[in-house]
Amino acid sequence: MLVHLRRSLVMAVLCLLFFGFVYAFAGTGVAQVLFKHQADGSLTANGSTLIGQNWSQTKCPGRLLGSCVFQGRPDALGPYAGSLSPVAGGGDNPLEANNIPGKPGVLNSGESGATNLGPRSKVLLSNTQQLDAYWKARGVDPTPDLVTTSGSGYDPDITAADAIAQIPMVSKATGIVPATLRALIARQTSGAQLGFLGSSYIVVLNLNEALAKLR
């Protein structure tokens, strides 16, 4: 019996050492050598290309907030930014914790996921109208993507059509001619993954970093 217990103990220790340490360190080492950018979170100087950011609060001298950059899906702007009641209010900002009105220092945890508001929802209609007005104030005729949230609440990507719709806004705020912005969008457009998975897309972070170099 002691022999069996000793063997079991030795096997447990060996498995712990191998799978708990050796395997983990080996995996980390391989990832750092072959896929360092991805293993480090796909980070750039301004954030990660894997998660959307709230570009609507970007300061643009002499212009409306967010008008000098391209923006992503509206998970963190308009009626979706900081709602105390995510369902009734149309959604919460999934990218940051929000201050609860009247309670300094108390945060309302950020959430991800869809709002689950149906097509007959008056709240959804109101939120969409607010977002439409947000874009119209910036000279943008918004696409459906720009007035509806993504399923996850974290999408870092938009379509070329979403970016093209924002050209009048960005051109007016930056002074860059529309033709140059169209060429920039074309260069930043990636095809479907493996050629057939999904559709073409643009990472908003990469697009805005390229835009900053033009400016």
N, C-alpha and C. Protein backbone atom coordinates (compact mmCIF):
# COMPACT_ATOMS: atom_id res chain seq x y z
N MET A 1 0.82 -1.21 0.00
CA MET A 1 0.00 0.00 0.00
C MET A 1 0.86 1.26 0.00
N LEU A 2 1.95 1.26 0.79
CA LEU A 2 2.83 2.41 0.84
C LEU A 2 3.49 2.67 -0.50
N VAL A 3 3.75 1.57 -1.23
CA VAL A 3 4.36 1.70 -2.56
C VAL A 3 3.41 2.45 -3.49
N HIS A 4 2.13 2.10 -3.44
CA HIS A 4 1.14 2.75 -4.29
C HIS A 4 0.97 4.23 -3.92
N LEU A 5 0.97 4.51 -2.61
CA LEU A 5 0.84 5.90 -2.16
C LEU A 5 2.05 6.73 -2.60
N ARG A 6 3.25 6.11 -2.50
CA ARG A 6 4.46 6.83 -2.89
C ARG A 6 4.45 7.13 -4.39
N ARG A 7 4.04 6.13 -5.17
CA ARG A 7 3.98 6.32 -6.62
C ARG A 7 2.96 7.40 -6.99
N SER A 8 1.82 7.39 -6.30
CA SER A 8 0.79 8.39 -6.57
C SER A 8 1.28 9.79 -6.23
N LEU A 9 1.98 9.91 -5.09
CA LEU A 9 2.50 11.20 -4.66
C LEU A 9 3.56 11.71 -5.64
N VAL A 10 4.46 10.81 -6.05
CA VAL A 10 5.50 11.19 -7.01
C VAL A 10 4.88 11.64 -8.33
N MET A 11 3.87 10.91 -8.81
CA MET A 11 3.21 11.27 -10.06
C MET A 11 2.51 12.62 -9.95
N ALA A 12 1.88 12.86 -8.79
CA ALA A 12 1.19 14.13 -8.59
C ALA A 12 2.19 15.28 -8.60
N VAL A 13 3.33 15.11 -7.96
CA VAL A 13 4.35 16.16 -7.93
C VAL A 13 4.92 16.40 -9.32
N LEU A 14 5.20 15.31 -10.05
CA LEU A 14 5.74 15.45 -11.40
C LEU A 14 4.75 16.17 -12.32
N CYS A 15 3.47 15.78 -12.22
CA CYS A 15 2.45 16.44 -13.05
C CYS A 15 2.33 17.91 -12.69
N LEU A 16 2.41 18.22 -11.39
CA LEU A 16 2.33 19.61 -10.97
C LEU A 16 3.49 20.41 -11.54
N LEU A 17 4.69 19.86 -11.45
CA LEU A 17 5.87 20.55 -11.95
C LEU A 17 5.81 20.73 -13.46
N PHE A 18 5.39 19.65 -14.16
CA PHE A 18 5.42 19.72 -15.62
C PHE A 18 4.30 20.61 -16.17
N PHE A 19 3.06 20.30 -15.78
CA PHE A 19 1.94 21.03 -16.34
C PHE A 19 1.73 22.40 -15.68
N GLY A 20 2.17 22.53 -14.42
CA GLY A 20 1.98 23.79 -13.73
C GLY A 20 3.08 24.81 -14.00
N PHE A 21 4.30 24.32 -14.32
CA PHE A 21 5.42 25.23 -14.50
C PHE A 21 6.12 25.07 -15.84
N VAL A 22 6.64 23.88 -16.12
CA VAL A 22 7.42 23.67 -17.34
C VAL A 22 6.57 23.97 -18.58
N TYR A 23 5.37 23.38 -18.64
CA TYR A 23 4.50 23.57 -19.81
C TYR A 23 4.11 25.04 -19.96
N ALA A 24 3.78 25.69 -18.83
CA ALA A 24 3.37 27.09 -18.90
C ALA A 24 4.51 27.99 -19.36
N PHE A 25 5.70 27.79 -18.80
CA PHE A 25 6.85 28.60 -19.19
C PHE A 25 7.26 28.33 -20.63
N ALA A 26 7.17 27.08 -21.05
CA ALA A 26 7.51 26.74 -22.43
C ALA A 26 6.53 27.42 -23.39
N GLY A 27 5.24 27.36 -23.05
CA GLY A 27 4.24 28.01 -23.89
C GLY A 27 4.45 29.51 -23.98
N THR A 28 4.78 30.11 -22.84
CA THR A 28 5.04 31.55 -22.82
C THR A 28 6.27 31.89 -23.64
N GLY A 29 7.31 31.05 -23.54
CA GLY A 29 8.53 31.28 -24.30
C GLY A 29 8.31 31.20 -25.80
N VAL A 30 7.58 30.17 -26.23
CA VAL A 30 7.28 30.01 -27.66
C VAL A 30 6.45 31.19 -28.16
N ALA A 31 5.47 31.60 -27.36
CA ALA A 31 4.62 32.72 -27.76
C ALA A 31 5.43 34.00 -27.89
N GLN A 32 6.37 34.23 -26.97
CA GLN A 32 7.17 35.45 -27.01
C GLN A 32 8.12 35.46 -28.21
N VAL A 33 8.57 34.28 -28.60
CA VAL A 33 9.51 34.19 -29.73
C VAL A 33 8.78 34.30 -31.07
N LEU A 34 7.67 33.59 -31.21
CA LEU A 34 6.98 33.50 -32.50
C LEU A 34 5.83 34.48 -32.66
N PHE A 35 5.17 34.83 -31.55
CA PHE A 35 3.98 35.70 -31.63
C PHE A 35 4.03 36.77 -30.55
N LYS A 36 5.14 37.48 -30.46
CA LYS A 36 5.34 38.43 -29.36
C LYS A 36 4.27 39.51 -29.34
N HIS A 37 3.94 40.08 -30.48
CA HIS A 37 2.95 41.17 -30.53
C HIS A 37 1.60 40.69 -30.00
N GLN A 38 1.16 39.52 -30.47
CA GLN A 38 -0.13 39.00 -30.02
C GLN A 38 -0.08 38.59 -28.55
N ALA A 39 1.03 37.97 -28.13
CA ALA A 39 1.16 37.51 -26.75
C ALA A 39 1.17 38.67 -25.77
N ASP A 40 1.63 39.82 -26.20
CA ASP A 40 1.67 41.00 -25.33
C ASP A 40 0.39 41.82 -25.39
N GLY A 41 -0.66 41.26 -26.00
CA GLY A 41 -1.95 41.93 -26.01
C GLY A 41 -2.22 42.76 -27.24
N SER A 42 -1.43 42.56 -28.31
CA SER A 42 -1.61 43.34 -29.55
C SER A 42 -1.63 44.83 -29.27
N LEU A 43 -0.69 45.27 -28.44
CA LEU A 43 -0.64 46.66 -28.01
C LEU A 43 0.12 47.54 -28.99
N THR A 44 -0.34 48.77 -29.12
CA THR A 44 0.39 49.80 -29.83
C THR A 44 0.65 50.92 -28.82
N ALA A 45 1.15 52.03 -29.29
CA ALA A 45 1.44 53.14 -28.37
C ALA A 45 0.17 53.72 -27.78
N ASN A 46 -0.98 53.47 -28.42
CA ASN A 46 -2.22 54.12 -27.99
C ASN A 46 -3.29 53.16 -27.50
N GLY A 47 -2.98 51.88 -27.37
CA GLY A 47 -3.98 50.94 -26.90
C GLY A 47 -3.81 49.58 -27.55
N SER A 48 -4.85 48.76 -27.45
CA SER A 48 -4.84 47.42 -28.03
C SER A 48 -5.75 47.38 -29.25
N THR A 49 -5.31 46.67 -30.27
CA THR A 49 -6.13 46.52 -31.47
C THR A 49 -7.23 45.48 -31.29
N LEU A 50 -7.31 44.87 -30.10
CA LEU A 50 -8.29 43.83 -29.85
C LEU A 50 -9.55 44.34 -29.16
N ILE A 51 -9.54 45.58 -28.72
CA ILE A 51 -10.69 46.11 -27.97
C ILE A 51 -11.00 47.53 -28.43
N GLY A 52 -12.28 47.83 -28.58
CA GLY A 52 -12.68 49.15 -29.02
C GLY A 52 -12.38 50.22 -27.98
N GLN A 53 -12.24 51.45 -28.43
CA GLN A 53 -12.00 52.58 -27.54
C GLN A 53 -13.04 53.66 -27.79
N ASN A 54 -13.21 54.51 -26.81
CA ASN A 54 -14.17 55.60 -26.91
C ASN A 54 -13.50 56.82 -27.54
N TRP A 55 -13.54 56.89 -28.85
CA TRP A 55 -12.92 58.01 -29.56
C TRP A 55 -13.80 59.26 -29.53
N SER A 56 -15.03 59.14 -29.05
CA SER A 56 -15.96 60.27 -29.08
C SER A 56 -15.52 61.41 -28.16
N GLN A 57 -14.62 61.13 -27.22
CA GLN A 57 -14.16 62.16 -26.29
C GLN A 57 -12.81 62.75 -26.68
N THR A 58 -12.34 62.43 -27.89
CA THR A 58 -11.07 62.98 -28.36
C THR A 58 -11.19 64.49 -28.55
N LYS A 59 -10.27 65.25 -27.97
CA LYS A 59 -10.31 66.70 -28.07
C LYS A 59 -9.82 67.15 -29.44
N CYS A 60 -10.61 67.99 -30.08
CA CYS A 60 -10.30 68.51 -31.40
C CYS A 60 -10.38 70.03 -31.34
N PRO A 61 -9.26 70.72 -31.28
CA PRO A 61 -9.26 72.19 -31.11
C PRO A 61 -10.19 72.89 -32.10
N GLY A 62 -11.12 73.65 -31.56
CA GLY A 62 -12.03 74.42 -32.40
C GLY A 62 -13.14 73.60 -33.03
N ARG A 63 -13.20 72.32 -32.73
CA ARG A 63 -14.21 71.45 -33.32
C ARG A 63 -14.91 70.64 -32.24
N LEU A 64 -16.01 69.99 -32.61
CA LEU A 64 -16.72 69.13 -31.66
C LEU A 64 -15.86 67.96 -31.26
N LEU A 65 -16.04 67.49 -30.02
CA LEU A 65 -15.29 66.33 -29.54
C LEU A 65 -15.44 65.17 -30.50
N GLY A 66 -14.32 64.51 -30.77
CA GLY A 66 -14.35 63.31 -31.59
C GLY A 66 -14.44 63.53 -33.08
N SER A 67 -14.50 64.78 -33.53
CA SER A 67 -14.70 65.04 -34.96
C SER A 67 -13.42 64.95 -35.78
N CYS A 68 -12.27 64.95 -35.13
CA CYS A 68 -11.00 64.93 -35.87
C CYS A 68 -10.41 63.53 -35.97
N VAL A 69 -11.16 62.52 -35.54
CA VAL A 69 -10.71 61.13 -35.64
C VAL A 69 -11.88 60.28 -36.14
N PHE A 70 -11.55 59.09 -36.60
CA PHE A 70 -12.60 58.14 -36.96
C PHE A 70 -13.08 57.45 -35.68
N GLN A 71 -14.36 57.12 -35.64
CA GLN A 71 -14.92 56.49 -34.45
C GLN A 71 -15.47 55.11 -34.77
N GLY A 72 -15.56 54.29 -33.73
CA GLY A 72 -16.05 52.93 -33.90
C GLY A 72 -17.53 52.82 -33.59
N ARG A 73 -17.97 51.60 -33.28
CA ARG A 73 -19.37 51.38 -32.93
C ARG A 73 -19.72 52.14 -31.65
N PRO A 74 -20.97 52.53 -31.46
CA PRO A 74 -21.34 53.42 -30.34
C PRO A 74 -21.57 52.74 -29.01
N ASP A 75 -20.70 51.80 -28.64
CA ASP A 75 -20.85 51.15 -27.35
C ASP A 75 -20.49 52.07 -26.20
N ALA A 76 -19.73 53.12 -26.48
CA ALA A 76 -19.25 53.96 -25.39
C ALA A 76 -19.46 55.44 -25.67
N LEU A 77 -20.54 55.76 -26.38
CA LEU A 77 -20.84 57.16 -26.62
C LEU A 77 -22.35 57.35 -26.64
N GLY A 78 -22.77 58.60 -26.68
CA GLY A 78 -24.20 58.89 -26.73
C GLY A 78 -24.93 58.31 -25.53
N PRO A 79 -26.11 57.74 -25.74
CA PRO A 79 -26.91 57.21 -24.63
C PRO A 79 -26.32 55.96 -24.01
N TYR A 80 -25.27 55.42 -24.62
CA TYR A 80 -24.68 54.18 -24.10
C TYR A 80 -23.54 54.44 -23.13
N ALA A 81 -23.20 55.68 -22.91
CA ALA A 81 -22.05 55.99 -22.06
C ALA A 81 -22.48 56.29 -20.63
N GLY A 82 -22.30 55.32 -19.76
CA GLY A 82 -22.49 55.58 -18.35
C GLY A 82 -23.91 55.51 -17.86
N SER A 83 -24.77 54.73 -18.48
CA SER A 83 -26.14 54.61 -17.99
C SER A 83 -26.15 53.87 -16.66
N LEU A 84 -26.90 54.42 -15.70
CA LEU A 84 -26.98 53.79 -14.38
C LEU A 84 -27.70 52.46 -14.45
N SER A 85 -28.69 52.34 -15.32
CA SER A 85 -29.45 51.11 -15.48
C SER A 85 -29.25 50.61 -16.89
N PRO A 86 -28.31 49.69 -17.10
CA PRO A 86 -27.93 49.29 -18.46
C PRO A 86 -29.10 48.87 -19.34
N VAL A 87 -30.06 48.12 -18.81
CA VAL A 87 -31.15 47.64 -19.65
C VAL A 87 -32.13 48.77 -19.98
N ALA A 88 -32.58 49.48 -18.94
CA ALA A 88 -33.55 50.55 -19.16
C ALA A 88 -32.94 51.72 -19.90
N GLY A 89 -31.64 51.95 -19.67
CA GLY A 89 -31.00 53.10 -20.29
C GLY A 89 -30.39 52.82 -21.64
N GLY A 90 -30.46 51.57 -22.09
CA GLY A 90 -29.95 51.27 -23.42
C GLY A 90 -28.56 50.71 -23.44
N GLY A 91 -27.91 50.56 -22.31
CA GLY A 91 -26.58 49.98 -22.32
C GLY A 91 -25.62 50.75 -21.46
N ASP A 92 -24.54 50.13 -21.07
CA ASP A 92 -23.52 50.76 -20.24
C ASP A 92 -22.24 50.85 -21.05
N ASN A 93 -21.36 51.73 -20.66
CA ASN A 93 -20.06 51.84 -21.30
C ASN A 93 -19.23 50.62 -20.90
N PRO A 94 -18.94 49.71 -21.80
CA PRO A 94 -18.24 48.49 -21.43
C PRO A 94 -16.74 48.67 -21.25
N LEU A 95 -16.24 49.85 -21.58
CA LEU A 95 -14.80 50.04 -21.59
C LEU A 95 -14.25 50.66 -20.31
N GLU A 96 -15.12 51.10 -19.42
CA GLU A 96 -14.63 51.71 -18.19
C GLU A 96 -15.73 51.70 -17.13
N ALA A 97 -15.32 51.80 -15.89
CA ALA A 97 -16.29 51.92 -14.81
C ALA A 97 -16.76 53.37 -14.76
N ASN A 98 -18.02 53.57 -14.44
CA ASN A 98 -18.60 54.91 -14.50
C ASN A 98 -19.00 55.40 -13.11
N ASN A 99 -18.85 56.69 -12.92
CA ASN A 99 -19.30 57.29 -11.66
C ASN A 99 -20.82 57.31 -11.60
N ILE A 100 -21.37 56.89 -10.48
CA ILE A 100 -22.82 56.93 -10.30
C ILE A 100 -23.22 58.34 -9.88
N PRO A 101 -24.15 58.97 -10.59
CA PRO A 101 -24.55 60.34 -10.26
C PRO A 101 -24.98 60.49 -8.80
N GLY A 102 -24.48 61.52 -8.14
CA GLY A 102 -24.85 61.79 -6.76
C GLY A 102 -24.09 60.98 -5.73
N LYS A 103 -23.20 60.10 -6.22
CA LYS A 103 -22.42 59.27 -5.30
C LYS A 103 -20.95 59.34 -5.69
N PRO A 104 -20.28 60.42 -5.31
CA PRO A 104 -18.86 60.60 -5.67
C PRO A 104 -18.01 59.42 -5.20
N GLY A 105 -17.19 58.93 -6.09
CA GLY A 105 -16.29 57.84 -5.75
C GLY A 105 -16.89 56.46 -5.86
N VAL A 106 -18.21 56.39 -6.05
CA VAL A 106 -18.87 55.09 -6.20
C VAL A 106 -19.01 54.79 -7.68
N LEU A 107 -18.54 53.63 -8.10
CA LEU A 107 -18.51 53.30 -9.52
C LEU A 107 -19.57 52.29 -9.90
N ASN A 108 -20.12 52.46 -11.08
CA ASN A 108 -21.04 51.50 -11.68
C ASN A 108 -20.21 50.66 -12.64
N SER A 109 -20.03 49.38 -12.36
CA SER A 109 -19.11 48.55 -13.13
C SER A 109 -19.47 48.56 -14.61
N GLY A 110 -18.45 48.66 -15.46
CA GLY A 110 -18.67 48.57 -16.90
C GLY A 110 -19.13 47.17 -17.26
N GLU A 111 -19.90 47.05 -18.31
CA GLU A 111 -20.43 45.76 -18.73
C GLU A 111 -20.23 45.57 -20.22
N SER A 112 -20.20 44.31 -20.64
CA SER A 112 -20.14 44.00 -22.06
C SER A 112 -21.41 43.26 -22.44
N GLY A 113 -21.61 43.10 -23.72
CA GLY A 113 -22.78 42.38 -24.19
C GLY A 113 -23.83 43.30 -24.76
N ALA A 114 -24.76 42.70 -25.48
CA ALA A 114 -25.81 43.48 -26.13
C ALA A 114 -26.81 44.01 -25.12
N THR A 115 -27.58 45.02 -25.51
CA THR A 115 -28.56 45.62 -24.61
C THR A 115 -29.83 44.79 -24.51
N ASN A 116 -30.04 43.89 -25.48
CA ASN A 116 -31.24 43.04 -25.52
C ASN A 116 -32.53 43.84 -25.71
N LEU A 117 -32.40 45.02 -26.30
CA LEU A 117 -33.58 45.82 -26.60
C LEU A 117 -34.15 45.36 -27.95
N GLY A 118 -35.44 45.02 -27.98
CA GLY A 118 -36.07 44.51 -29.18
C GLY A 118 -36.42 45.60 -30.18
N PRO A 119 -36.80 45.22 -31.42
CA PRO A 119 -37.09 46.20 -32.47
C PRO A 119 -38.27 47.11 -32.17
N ARG A 120 -39.14 46.71 -31.22
CA ARG A 120 -40.29 47.56 -30.86
C ARG A 120 -40.01 48.40 -29.61
N SER A 121 -38.79 48.34 -29.11
CA SER A 121 -38.45 49.06 -27.88
C SER A 121 -38.41 50.57 -28.11
N LYS A 122 -39.13 51.31 -27.28
CA LYS A 122 -39.11 52.76 -27.36
C LYS A 122 -37.75 53.30 -26.91
N VAL A 123 -37.11 52.58 -25.99
CA VAL A 123 -35.77 52.99 -25.53
C VAL A 123 -34.78 52.87 -26.67
N LEU A 124 -34.85 51.76 -27.41
CA LEU A 124 -33.96 51.58 -28.55
C LEU A 124 -34.19 52.67 -29.59
N LEU A 125 -35.45 53.00 -29.86
CA LEU A 125 -35.76 54.05 -30.82
C LEU A 125 -35.19 55.38 -30.36
N SER A 126 -35.38 55.70 -29.08
CA SER A 126 -34.87 56.95 -28.54
C SER A 126 -33.35 57.01 -28.62
N ASN A 127 -32.69 55.92 -28.25
CA ASN A 127 -31.23 55.89 -28.28
C ASN A 127 -30.71 56.05 -29.71
N THR A 128 -31.35 55.38 -30.64
CA THR A 128 -30.93 55.46 -32.03
C THR A 128 -31.11 56.88 -32.56
N GLN A 129 -32.20 57.52 -32.18
CA GLN A 129 -32.43 58.90 -32.60
C GLN A 129 -31.37 59.84 -32.02
N GLN A 130 -30.98 59.60 -30.77
CA GLN A 130 -29.93 60.41 -30.16
C GLN A 130 -28.61 60.24 -30.89
N LEU A 131 -28.30 59.00 -31.23
CA LEU A 131 -27.06 58.73 -31.94
C LEU A 131 -27.09 59.31 -33.34
N ASP A 132 -28.24 59.25 -33.99
CA ASP A 132 -28.38 59.84 -35.32
C ASP A 132 -28.13 61.35 -35.24
N ALA A 133 -28.68 61.98 -34.22
CA ALA A 133 -28.47 63.42 -34.04
C ALA A 133 -27.01 63.73 -33.74
N TYR A 134 -26.37 62.85 -32.97
CA TYR A 134 -24.94 63.01 -32.65
C TYR A 134 -24.12 63.08 -33.94
N TRP A 135 -24.38 62.14 -34.84
CA TRP A 135 -23.62 62.10 -36.08
C TRP A 135 -23.99 63.25 -37.01
N LYS A 136 -25.28 63.56 -37.11
CA LYS A 136 -25.70 64.64 -38.00
C LYS A 136 -25.08 65.96 -37.58
N ALA A 137 -24.91 66.17 -36.27
CA ALA A 137 -24.28 67.40 -35.79
C ALA A 137 -22.83 67.51 -36.26
N ARG A 138 -22.24 66.40 -36.63
CA ARG A 138 -20.86 66.35 -37.10
C ARG A 138 -20.78 66.21 -38.63
N GLY A 139 -21.91 66.36 -39.28
CA GLY A 139 -21.92 66.31 -40.74
C GLY A 139 -21.83 64.91 -41.31
N VAL A 140 -22.21 63.91 -40.53
CA VAL A 140 -22.11 62.51 -40.97
C VAL A 140 -23.50 61.94 -41.21
N ASP A 141 -23.67 61.30 -42.36
CA ASP A 141 -24.89 60.54 -42.62
C ASP A 141 -24.59 59.11 -42.17
N PRO A 142 -24.97 58.73 -40.96
CA PRO A 142 -24.48 57.49 -40.36
C PRO A 142 -25.00 56.22 -41.03
N THR A 143 -24.15 55.22 -41.05
CA THR A 143 -24.54 53.88 -41.48
C THR A 143 -25.28 53.20 -40.32
N PRO A 144 -25.96 52.10 -40.57
CA PRO A 144 -26.62 51.38 -39.46
C PRO A 144 -25.66 51.01 -38.33
N ASP A 145 -24.41 50.64 -38.68
CA ASP A 145 -23.43 50.27 -37.66
C ASP A 145 -23.15 51.41 -36.70
N LEU A 146 -23.18 52.63 -37.19
CA LEU A 146 -22.80 53.79 -36.37
C LEU A 146 -23.89 54.23 -35.41
N VAL A 147 -25.08 53.66 -35.52
CA VAL A 147 -26.15 54.02 -34.59
C VAL A 147 -26.68 52.80 -33.84
N THR A 148 -25.97 51.68 -33.96
CA THR A 148 -26.35 50.47 -33.22
C THR A 148 -25.11 49.87 -32.59
N THR A 149 -25.27 49.26 -31.44
CA THR A 149 -24.11 48.68 -30.75
C THR A 149 -23.80 47.30 -31.31
N SER A 150 -22.57 46.87 -31.09
CA SER A 150 -22.17 45.53 -31.49
C SER A 150 -22.67 44.52 -30.47
N GLY A 151 -22.63 43.24 -30.83
CA GLY A 151 -23.10 42.22 -29.92
C GLY A 151 -22.26 42.09 -28.67
N SER A 152 -20.95 42.29 -28.80
CA SER A 152 -20.05 42.11 -27.66
C SER A 152 -19.90 43.39 -26.85
N GLY A 153 -19.99 44.53 -27.51
CA GLY A 153 -19.71 45.79 -26.83
C GLY A 153 -18.25 46.15 -26.83
N TYR A 154 -17.42 45.34 -27.49
CA TYR A 154 -15.98 45.59 -27.47
C TYR A 154 -15.37 45.68 -28.86
N ASP A 155 -16.18 45.66 -29.91
CA ASP A 155 -15.64 45.58 -31.26
C ASP A 155 -14.64 46.68 -31.56
N PRO A 156 -13.42 46.33 -31.99
CA PRO A 156 -12.42 47.33 -32.36
C PRO A 156 -12.49 47.69 -33.84
N ASP A 157 -13.38 47.00 -34.58
CA ASP A 157 -13.39 47.14 -36.03
C ASP A 157 -14.64 47.86 -36.53
N ILE A 158 -14.51 48.44 -37.72
CA ILE A 158 -15.65 48.97 -38.46
C ILE A 158 -15.47 48.55 -39.92
N THR A 159 -16.51 48.72 -40.72
CA THR A 159 -16.39 48.42 -42.14
C THR A 159 -15.86 49.64 -42.88
N ALA A 160 -15.46 49.42 -44.12
CA ALA A 160 -15.00 50.55 -44.93
C ALA A 160 -16.12 51.57 -45.12
N ALA A 161 -17.36 51.07 -45.25
CA ALA A 161 -18.50 51.98 -45.42
C ALA A 161 -18.67 52.87 -44.20
N ASP A 162 -18.45 52.31 -42.99
CA ASP A 162 -18.55 53.10 -41.76
C ASP A 162 -17.50 54.21 -41.75
N ALA A 163 -16.30 53.89 -42.20
CA ALA A 163 -15.22 54.89 -42.22
C ALA A 163 -15.47 55.95 -43.29
N ILE A 164 -15.92 55.51 -44.47
CA ILE A 164 -16.17 56.45 -45.56
C ILE A 164 -17.26 57.45 -45.17
N ALA A 165 -18.26 56.98 -44.43
CA ALA A 165 -19.34 57.88 -44.00
C ALA A 165 -18.82 59.00 -43.11
N GLN A 166 -17.69 58.78 -42.43
CA GLN A 166 -17.15 59.78 -41.51
C GLN A 166 -16.16 60.74 -42.18
N ILE A 167 -15.89 60.53 -43.46
CA ILE A 167 -14.93 61.37 -44.16
C ILE A 167 -15.29 62.86 -44.10
N PRO A 168 -16.54 63.27 -44.34
CA PRO A 168 -16.85 64.71 -44.25
C PRO A 168 -16.48 65.33 -42.90
N MET A 169 -16.76 64.59 -41.82
CA MET A 169 -16.46 65.07 -40.47
C MET A 169 -14.94 65.21 -40.27
N VAL A 170 -14.21 64.16 -40.59
CA VAL A 170 -12.76 64.17 -40.36
C VAL A 170 -12.07 65.17 -41.28
N SER A 171 -12.52 65.26 -42.52
CA SER A 171 -11.91 66.19 -43.47
C SER A 171 -12.08 67.64 -43.00
N LYS A 172 -13.28 67.98 -42.54
CA LYS A 172 -13.55 69.34 -42.07
C LYS A 172 -12.74 69.68 -40.84
N ALA A 173 -12.58 68.70 -39.93
CA ALA A 173 -11.88 68.96 -38.67
C ALA A 173 -10.37 68.98 -38.82
N THR A 174 -9.84 68.23 -39.79
CA THR A 174 -8.38 68.12 -39.93
C THR A 174 -7.82 68.90 -41.12
N GLY A 175 -8.68 69.23 -42.09
CA GLY A 175 -8.19 69.92 -43.28
C GLY A 175 -7.62 68.97 -44.32
N ILE A 176 -7.69 67.68 -44.07
CA ILE A 176 -7.20 66.69 -45.03
C ILE A 176 -8.28 66.46 -46.09
N VAL A 177 -7.91 66.51 -47.35
CA VAL A 177 -8.91 66.40 -48.42
C VAL A 177 -9.51 65.00 -48.44
N PRO A 178 -10.79 64.88 -48.83
CA PRO A 178 -11.48 63.58 -48.85
C PRO A 178 -10.76 62.50 -49.64
N ALA A 179 -10.15 62.87 -50.76
CA ALA A 179 -9.47 61.87 -51.59
C ALA A 179 -8.33 61.20 -50.81
N THR A 180 -7.62 61.98 -50.03
CA THR A 180 -6.53 61.43 -49.22
C THR A 180 -7.07 60.51 -48.15
N LEU A 181 -8.18 60.88 -47.55
CA LEU A 181 -8.79 60.04 -46.51
C LEU A 181 -9.32 58.74 -47.11
N ARG A 182 -9.88 58.81 -48.31
CA ARG A 182 -10.35 57.59 -48.98
C ARG A 182 -9.19 56.63 -49.25
N ALA A 183 -8.07 57.18 -49.69
CA ALA A 183 -6.89 56.35 -49.94
C ALA A 183 -6.38 55.73 -48.65
N LEU A 184 -6.42 56.50 -47.56
CA LEU A 184 -6.00 56.00 -46.26
C LEU A 184 -6.89 54.85 -45.82
N ILE A 185 -8.19 55.00 -45.99
CA ILE A 185 -9.14 53.95 -45.61
C ILE A 185 -8.88 52.68 -46.42
N ALA A 186 -8.61 52.85 -47.71
CA ALA A 186 -8.33 51.70 -48.57
C ALA A 186 -7.09 50.95 -48.11
N ARG A 187 -6.07 51.70 -47.70
CA ARG A 187 -4.84 51.05 -47.24
C ARG A 187 -5.04 50.32 -45.92
N GLN A 188 -5.92 50.83 -45.08
CA GLN A 188 -6.14 50.24 -43.76
C GLN A 188 -7.19 49.13 -43.76
N THR A 189 -7.82 48.88 -44.89
CA THR A 189 -8.85 47.85 -44.96
C THR A 189 -8.23 46.47 -45.10
N SER A 190 -8.57 45.58 -44.20
CA SER A 190 -8.08 44.20 -44.23
C SER A 190 -9.16 43.29 -44.80
N GLY A 191 -8.75 42.30 -45.57
CA GLY A 191 -9.71 41.37 -46.15
C GLY A 191 -10.21 40.38 -45.13
N ALA A 192 -11.18 39.57 -45.54
CA ALA A 192 -11.71 38.53 -44.66
C ALA A 192 -10.59 37.60 -44.19
N GLN A 193 -10.67 37.17 -42.95
CA GLN A 193 -9.64 36.29 -42.41
C GLN A 193 -9.59 34.99 -43.19
N LEU A 194 -8.37 34.60 -43.57
CA LEU A 194 -8.13 33.40 -44.38
C LEU A 194 -8.84 33.46 -45.73
N GLY A 195 -9.29 34.66 -46.08
CA GLY A 195 -9.92 34.85 -47.37
C GLY A 195 -11.40 34.55 -47.44
N PHE A 196 -11.95 33.95 -46.38
CA PHE A 196 -13.37 33.58 -46.45
C PHE A 196 -14.12 33.72 -45.13
N LEU A 197 -13.42 33.97 -44.03
CA LEU A 197 -14.08 34.10 -42.74
C LEU A 197 -14.49 35.55 -42.49
N GLY A 198 -15.78 35.80 -42.40
CA GLY A 198 -16.26 37.15 -42.14
C GLY A 198 -16.16 38.03 -43.38
N SER A 199 -16.02 39.32 -43.15
CA SER A 199 -15.93 40.28 -44.25
C SER A 199 -14.73 41.20 -44.01
N SER A 200 -14.47 42.09 -44.95
CA SER A 200 -13.36 43.01 -44.78
C SER A 200 -13.65 43.96 -43.61
N TYR A 201 -12.60 44.48 -43.01
CA TYR A 201 -12.75 45.30 -41.81
C TYR A 201 -11.59 46.26 -41.67
N ILE A 202 -11.79 47.25 -40.80
CA ILE A 202 -10.75 48.24 -40.48
C ILE A 202 -10.64 48.33 -38.97
N VAL A 203 -9.43 48.21 -38.43
CA VAL A 203 -9.20 48.42 -37.01
C VAL A 203 -9.12 49.92 -36.77
N VAL A 204 -10.05 50.45 -35.99
CA VAL A 204 -10.16 51.90 -35.81
C VAL A 204 -8.87 52.48 -35.21
N LEU A 205 -8.27 51.76 -34.28
CA LEU A 205 -7.04 52.24 -33.66
C LEU A 205 -5.94 52.42 -34.72
N ASN A 206 -5.76 51.42 -35.57
CA ASN A 206 -4.74 51.51 -36.62
C ASN A 206 -5.05 52.64 -37.59
N LEU A 207 -6.34 52.81 -37.90
CA LEU A 207 -6.74 53.87 -38.82
C LEU A 207 -6.42 55.24 -38.24
N ASN A 208 -6.70 55.43 -36.96
CA ASN A 208 -6.45 56.74 -36.35
C ASN A 208 -4.95 57.00 -36.15
N GLU A 209 -4.19 55.93 -35.90
CA GLU A 209 -2.74 56.13 -35.80
C GLU A 209 -2.16 56.53 -37.16
N ALA A 210 -2.68 55.93 -38.23
CA ALA A 210 -2.24 56.32 -39.58
C ALA A 210 -2.69 57.74 -39.91
N LEU A 211 -3.88 58.10 -39.44
CA LEU A 211 -4.40 59.46 -39.65
C LEU A 211 -3.51 60.47 -38.94
N ALA A 212 -3.06 60.15 -37.74
CA ALA A 212 -2.21 61.06 -36.98
C ALA A 212 -0.91 61.34 -37.72
N LYS A 213 -0.40 60.34 -38.43
CA LYS A 213 0.85 60.55 -39.20
C LYS A 213 0.61 61.50 -40.38
N LEU A 214 -0.59 61.42 -40.97
CA LEU A 214 -0.92 62.35 -42.06
C LEU A 214 -1.01 63.77 -41.53
N ARG A 215 -1.59 63.92 -40.35
CA ARG A 215 -1.79 65.25 -39.79
C ARG A 215 -0.48 65.85 -39.32
